Amino acid sequence: MQFFGIVIHQSSCPSINGKGYDFFITRGGAIIPSIEQTDPLYIHICLEGDFSGHRHTYTVEEKEQFFLLNKLVLQLAGTFRFQRDDIFPHTVSCPGAFFPWSQLVISAEDRYH
């Protein structure tokens, strides 16, 4: 099966309602896969939380969540040959205006920050 990319969500998005994603990453450090495939064209990843507000720092839990997101994205990118341009927000407001896109690692050469 070939996918066209990855779509990132936040759990505070009103259209999520506990469904609509292939992986859910908790603040507690767990990656929970969906029982059913969400979309035949894209892989959807939802992060627990709300990234719509400006912040200067992140909690330890949020940093762990981003680390797990990076590991998952890196694994999926390797499997499906995704490039940086193959990662998309769910909507203009999801995963939030202040989601830390610059912290995503899509290539092993980029390394973790």
N, C-alpha and C. Protein backbone atom coordinates (compact mmCIF):
# COMPACT_ATOMS: atom_id res chain seq x y z
N MET A 1 0.84 -1.18 0.00
CA MET A 1 0.00 0.00 0.00
C MET A 1 0.88 1.24 0.00
N GLN A 2 0.51 2.21 -0.79
CA GLN A 2 1.26 3.45 -0.87
C GLN A 2 0.42 4.60 -0.32
N PHE A 3 1.04 5.39 0.54
CA PHE A 3 0.39 6.59 1.08
C PHE A 3 1.07 7.82 0.49
N PHE A 4 0.35 8.94 0.49
CA PHE A 4 0.88 10.18 -0.06
C PHE A 4 1.50 11.08 0.99
N GLY A 5 1.34 10.75 2.27
CA GLY A 5 1.94 11.57 3.30
C GLY A 5 1.33 11.34 4.67
N ILE A 6 1.68 12.24 5.57
CA ILE A 6 1.26 12.18 6.97
C ILE A 6 0.48 13.45 7.29
N VAL A 7 -0.62 13.29 8.00
CA VAL A 7 -1.43 14.42 8.45
C VAL A 7 -1.35 14.47 9.97
N ILE A 8 -0.99 15.64 10.52
CA ILE A 8 -0.84 15.82 11.96
C ILE A 8 -2.08 16.51 12.52
N HIS A 9 -2.58 15.98 13.65
CA HIS A 9 -3.75 16.51 14.34
C HIS A 9 -3.39 16.85 15.79
N GLN A 10 -4.26 17.60 16.46
CA GLN A 10 -4.20 17.78 17.91
C GLN A 10 -5.54 17.30 18.47
N SER A 11 -5.52 16.74 19.68
CA SER A 11 -6.75 16.16 20.23
C SER A 11 -7.81 17.19 20.57
N SER A 12 -7.43 18.45 20.72
CA SER A 12 -8.43 19.47 21.03
C SER A 12 -9.24 19.91 19.80
N CYS A 13 -8.90 19.40 18.65
CA CYS A 13 -9.63 19.72 17.41
C CYS A 13 -11.05 19.16 17.52
N PRO A 14 -12.07 20.00 17.34
CA PRO A 14 -13.45 19.53 17.51
C PRO A 14 -13.87 18.45 16.52
N SER A 15 -13.20 18.33 15.40
CA SER A 15 -13.61 17.31 14.42
C SER A 15 -12.99 15.95 14.69
N ILE A 16 -12.11 15.84 15.70
CA ILE A 16 -11.46 14.56 15.99
C ILE A 16 -12.42 13.61 16.70
N ASN A 17 -12.93 14.01 17.86
CA ASN A 17 -13.88 13.21 18.63
C ASN A 17 -13.42 11.77 18.86
N GLY A 18 -12.14 11.58 19.14
CA GLY A 18 -11.63 10.25 19.45
C GLY A 18 -11.47 9.33 18.26
N LYS A 19 -11.56 9.86 17.06
CA LYS A 19 -11.40 9.02 15.87
C LYS A 19 -10.78 9.86 14.76
N GLY A 20 -10.48 9.22 13.67
CA GLY A 20 -9.95 9.96 12.54
C GLY A 20 -8.44 9.99 12.47
N TYR A 21 -7.76 9.10 13.17
CA TYR A 21 -6.31 9.05 13.11
C TYR A 21 -5.84 7.61 13.19
N ASP A 22 -4.63 7.36 12.70
CA ASP A 22 -4.05 6.02 12.71
C ASP A 22 -3.18 5.78 13.93
N PHE A 23 -2.63 6.87 14.48
CA PHE A 23 -1.81 6.78 15.69
C PHE A 23 -2.17 7.94 16.60
N PHE A 24 -2.26 7.65 17.91
CA PHE A 24 -2.51 8.68 18.92
C PHE A 24 -1.31 8.68 19.85
N ILE A 25 -0.69 9.84 20.03
CA ILE A 25 0.48 9.95 20.91
C ILE A 25 0.06 10.72 22.15
N THR A 26 0.12 10.04 23.29
CA THR A 26 -0.30 10.65 24.56
C THR A 26 0.82 11.47 25.16
N ARG A 27 0.43 12.36 26.07
CA ARG A 27 1.44 13.12 26.82
C ARG A 27 2.19 12.21 27.77
N GLY A 28 1.59 11.07 28.09
CA GLY A 28 2.23 10.13 28.99
C GLY A 28 3.30 9.27 28.33
N GLY A 29 3.49 9.44 27.03
CA GLY A 29 4.57 8.73 26.36
C GLY A 29 4.17 7.44 25.68
N ALA A 30 2.92 7.30 25.30
CA ALA A 30 2.46 6.10 24.61
C ALA A 30 2.02 6.44 23.18
N ILE A 31 2.30 5.51 22.28
CA ILE A 31 1.78 5.61 20.92
C ILE A 31 0.72 4.53 20.79
N ILE A 32 -0.51 4.95 20.54
CA ILE A 32 -1.63 4.02 20.47
C ILE A 32 -2.09 3.93 19.01
N PRO A 33 -1.92 2.75 18.39
CA PRO A 33 -2.37 2.61 17.01
C PRO A 33 -3.89 2.43 16.95
N SER A 34 -4.48 2.88 15.87
CA SER A 34 -5.91 2.71 15.65
C SER A 34 -6.20 1.27 15.26
N ILE A 35 -7.40 0.83 15.56
CA ILE A 35 -7.80 -0.52 15.19
C ILE A 35 -8.06 -0.61 13.69
N GLU A 36 -8.60 0.47 13.13
CA GLU A 36 -8.93 0.49 11.71
C GLU A 36 -8.14 1.58 10.98
N GLN A 37 -7.89 1.35 9.72
CA GLN A 37 -7.24 2.36 8.89
C GLN A 37 -8.20 3.53 8.69
N THR A 38 -7.68 4.73 8.84
CA THR A 38 -8.50 5.94 8.77
C THR A 38 -8.74 6.41 7.34
N ASP A 39 -7.70 6.40 6.56
CA ASP A 39 -7.73 7.05 5.24
C ASP A 39 -6.84 6.22 4.32
N PRO A 40 -7.31 5.85 3.14
CA PRO A 40 -6.47 5.05 2.24
C PRO A 40 -5.32 5.84 1.60
N LEU A 41 -5.33 7.18 1.73
CA LEU A 41 -4.32 7.99 1.06
C LEU A 41 -3.27 8.58 1.99
N TYR A 42 -3.62 8.82 3.26
CA TYR A 42 -2.71 9.47 4.20
C TYR A 42 -2.70 8.74 5.53
N ILE A 43 -1.59 8.85 6.24
CA ILE A 43 -1.47 8.35 7.60
C ILE A 43 -1.72 9.53 8.53
N HIS A 44 -2.65 9.37 9.46
CA HIS A 44 -3.03 10.45 10.37
C HIS A 44 -2.48 10.18 11.76
N ILE A 45 -1.80 11.19 12.33
CA ILE A 45 -1.23 11.11 13.67
C ILE A 45 -1.83 12.23 14.51
N CYS A 46 -2.37 11.86 15.68
CA CYS A 46 -2.97 12.84 16.58
C CYS A 46 -2.15 12.92 17.86
N LEU A 47 -1.83 14.14 18.27
CA LEU A 47 -1.14 14.37 19.53
C LEU A 47 -2.13 14.86 20.58
N GLU A 48 -2.03 14.29 21.76
CA GLU A 48 -2.87 14.74 22.86
C GLU A 48 -2.49 16.17 23.23
N GLY A 49 -3.46 17.06 23.31
CA GLY A 49 -3.17 18.42 23.71
C GLY A 49 -3.70 19.46 22.76
N ASP A 50 -3.31 20.69 23.04
CA ASP A 50 -3.76 21.85 22.29
C ASP A 50 -2.53 22.72 22.00
N PHE A 51 -2.22 22.90 20.73
CA PHE A 51 -1.04 23.66 20.32
C PHE A 51 -1.44 24.98 19.65
N SER A 52 -2.59 25.51 20.04
CA SER A 52 -3.06 26.76 19.43
C SER A 52 -2.58 28.00 20.16
N GLY A 53 -2.04 27.83 21.36
CA GLY A 53 -1.56 28.99 22.12
C GLY A 53 -0.05 29.14 22.08
N HIS A 54 0.41 30.38 22.10
CA HIS A 54 1.84 30.66 22.08
C HIS A 54 2.48 30.25 23.40
N ARG A 55 3.67 29.69 23.34
CA ARG A 55 4.40 29.31 24.54
C ARG A 55 5.90 29.42 24.27
N HIS A 56 6.65 29.66 25.32
CA HIS A 56 8.10 29.78 25.19
C HIS A 56 8.81 28.48 25.51
N THR A 57 8.18 27.65 26.33
CA THR A 57 8.79 26.38 26.70
C THR A 57 7.74 25.27 26.63
N TYR A 58 8.22 24.05 26.66
CA TYR A 58 7.35 22.89 26.65
C TYR A 58 7.61 22.07 27.90
N THR A 59 6.59 21.37 28.36
CA THR A 59 6.74 20.51 29.54
C THR A 59 7.58 19.29 29.17
N VAL A 60 8.04 18.59 30.17
CA VAL A 60 8.79 17.36 29.95
C VAL A 60 7.93 16.37 29.16
N GLU A 61 6.66 16.29 29.51
CA GLU A 61 5.75 15.38 28.82
C GLU A 61 5.59 15.75 27.35
N GLU A 62 5.47 17.05 27.07
CA GLU A 62 5.34 17.48 25.68
C GLU A 62 6.61 17.22 24.89
N LYS A 63 7.77 17.40 25.52
CA LYS A 63 9.03 17.10 24.84
C LYS A 63 9.13 15.62 24.51
N GLU A 64 8.68 14.77 25.43
CA GLU A 64 8.66 13.32 25.18
C GLU A 64 7.69 13.01 24.04
N GLN A 65 6.57 13.69 24.02
CA GLN A 65 5.58 13.50 22.97
C GLN A 65 6.18 13.85 21.60
N PHE A 66 6.90 14.97 21.51
CA PHE A 66 7.55 15.36 20.25
C PHE A 66 8.63 14.36 19.86
N PHE A 67 9.36 13.84 20.85
CA PHE A 67 10.38 12.83 20.57
C PHE A 67 9.72 11.59 19.94
N LEU A 68 8.61 11.15 20.54
CA LEU A 68 7.90 9.99 19.99
C LEU A 68 7.33 10.28 18.61
N LEU A 69 6.82 11.49 18.42
CA LEU A 69 6.33 11.88 17.09
C LEU A 69 7.46 11.81 16.07
N ASN A 70 8.63 12.31 16.45
CA ASN A 70 9.78 12.26 15.54
C ASN A 70 10.16 10.83 15.21
N LYS A 71 10.19 9.96 16.20
CA LYS A 71 10.54 8.56 15.95
C LYS A 71 9.53 7.91 15.02
N LEU A 72 8.25 8.17 15.25
CA LEU A 72 7.21 7.59 14.41
C LEU A 72 7.28 8.14 12.99
N VAL A 73 7.42 9.46 12.85
CA VAL A 73 7.52 10.07 11.52
C VAL A 73 8.75 9.56 10.78
N LEU A 74 9.86 9.44 11.47
CA LEU A 74 11.09 8.94 10.85
C LEU A 74 10.90 7.51 10.36
N GLN A 75 10.25 6.68 11.17
CA GLN A 75 10.00 5.30 10.77
C GLN A 75 9.06 5.24 9.57
N LEU A 76 7.98 6.01 9.61
CA LEU A 76 7.04 6.03 8.49
C LEU A 76 7.67 6.60 7.23
N ALA A 77 8.49 7.63 7.38
CA ALA A 77 9.18 8.23 6.24
C ALA A 77 10.11 7.22 5.58
N GLY A 78 10.80 6.44 6.38
CA GLY A 78 11.68 5.41 5.84
C GLY A 78 10.91 4.31 5.12
N THR A 79 9.80 3.91 5.71
CA THR A 79 8.99 2.84 5.13
C THR A 79 8.31 3.27 3.84
N PHE A 80 7.75 4.47 3.84
CA PHE A 80 6.95 4.92 2.70
C PHE A 80 7.64 5.98 1.85
N ARG A 81 8.90 6.27 2.16
CA ARG A 81 9.72 7.23 1.41
C ARG A 81 9.11 8.64 1.36
N PHE A 82 8.60 9.07 2.51
CA PHE A 82 8.06 10.43 2.61
C PHE A 82 9.20 11.43 2.67
N GLN A 83 8.94 12.61 2.13
CA GLN A 83 9.85 13.74 2.21
C GLN A 83 9.24 14.78 3.14
N ARG A 84 9.99 15.82 3.44
CA ARG A 84 9.49 16.89 4.32
C ARG A 84 8.18 17.49 3.82
N ASP A 85 8.03 17.61 2.51
CA ASP A 85 6.82 18.19 1.92
C ASP A 85 5.61 17.27 1.98
N ASP A 86 5.79 16.06 2.49
CA ASP A 86 4.70 15.08 2.58
C ASP A 86 4.04 15.07 3.96
N ILE A 87 4.34 16.05 4.80
CA ILE A 87 3.73 16.15 6.13
C ILE A 87 2.85 17.39 6.14
N PHE A 88 1.60 17.20 6.55
CA PHE A 88 0.60 18.27 6.45
C PHE A 88 -0.14 18.48 7.76
N PRO A 89 -0.62 19.70 8.00
CA PRO A 89 -1.54 19.91 9.11
C PRO A 89 -2.93 19.41 8.70
N HIS A 90 -3.72 19.03 9.68
CA HIS A 90 -5.09 18.58 9.41
C HIS A 90 -5.91 19.71 8.81
N THR A 91 -5.87 20.89 9.43
CA THR A 91 -6.56 22.08 8.93
C THR A 91 -5.69 23.29 9.24
N VAL A 92 -6.18 24.46 8.94
CA VAL A 92 -5.45 25.69 9.26
C VAL A 92 -5.28 25.83 10.77
N SER A 93 -6.27 25.39 11.55
CA SER A 93 -6.21 25.54 13.00
C SER A 93 -5.84 24.25 13.74
N CYS A 94 -5.56 23.20 13.04
CA CYS A 94 -5.20 21.91 13.66
C CYS A 94 -3.96 21.38 12.96
N PRO A 95 -2.87 21.19 13.64
CA PRO A 95 -2.67 21.03 15.08
C PRO A 95 -2.40 22.31 15.85
N GLY A 96 -2.82 23.41 15.39
CA GLY A 96 -2.64 24.65 16.14
C GLY A 96 -1.64 25.57 15.48
N ALA A 97 -1.88 26.86 15.62
CA ALA A 97 -1.03 27.87 15.00
C ALA A 97 0.39 27.85 15.52
N PHE A 98 0.59 27.34 16.74
CA PHE A 98 1.93 27.34 17.34
C PHE A 98 2.51 25.94 17.47
N PHE A 99 2.05 25.02 16.64
CA PHE A 99 2.63 23.69 16.65
C PHE A 99 4.10 23.80 16.22
N PRO A 100 5.01 23.13 16.91
CA PRO A 100 6.45 23.28 16.62
C PRO A 100 6.91 22.47 15.40
N TRP A 101 6.50 22.89 14.23
CA TRP A 101 6.86 22.19 12.99
C TRP A 101 8.37 22.07 12.83
N SER A 102 9.11 23.06 13.28
CA SER A 102 10.57 23.05 13.09
C SER A 102 11.24 21.93 13.88
N GLN A 103 10.54 21.32 14.83
CA GLN A 103 11.12 20.24 15.61
C GLN A 103 10.93 18.87 14.98
N LEU A 104 10.19 18.79 13.89
CA LEU A 104 9.98 17.50 13.24
C LEU A 104 11.22 17.08 12.45
N VAL A 105 11.57 15.81 12.58
CA VAL A 105 12.71 15.24 11.87
C VAL A 105 12.15 14.23 10.87
N ILE A 106 12.44 14.43 9.60
CA ILE A 106 11.94 13.53 8.57
C ILE A 106 13.05 12.67 7.98
N SER A 107 14.28 13.06 8.21
CA SER A 107 15.43 12.36 7.65
C SER A 107 16.44 12.04 8.74
N ALA A 108 17.01 10.86 8.67
CA ALA A 108 18.02 10.48 9.66
C ALA A 108 19.21 11.43 9.64
N GLU A 109 19.47 12.05 8.48
CA GLU A 109 20.58 12.99 8.38
C GLU A 109 20.30 14.29 9.14
N ASP A 110 19.01 14.61 9.33
CA ASP A 110 18.64 15.83 10.05
C ASP A 110 18.96 15.73 11.54
N ARG A 111 18.92 14.52 12.06
CA ARG A 111 19.16 14.25 13.49
C ARG A 111 18.09 14.89 14.35
N TYR A 112 18.05 14.40 15.58
CA TYR A 112 17.13 14.99 16.55
C TYR A 112 17.73 16.25 17.11
N HIS A 113 16.88 17.22 17.41
CA HIS A 113 17.34 18.51 17.93
C HIS A 113 17.52 18.43 19.43
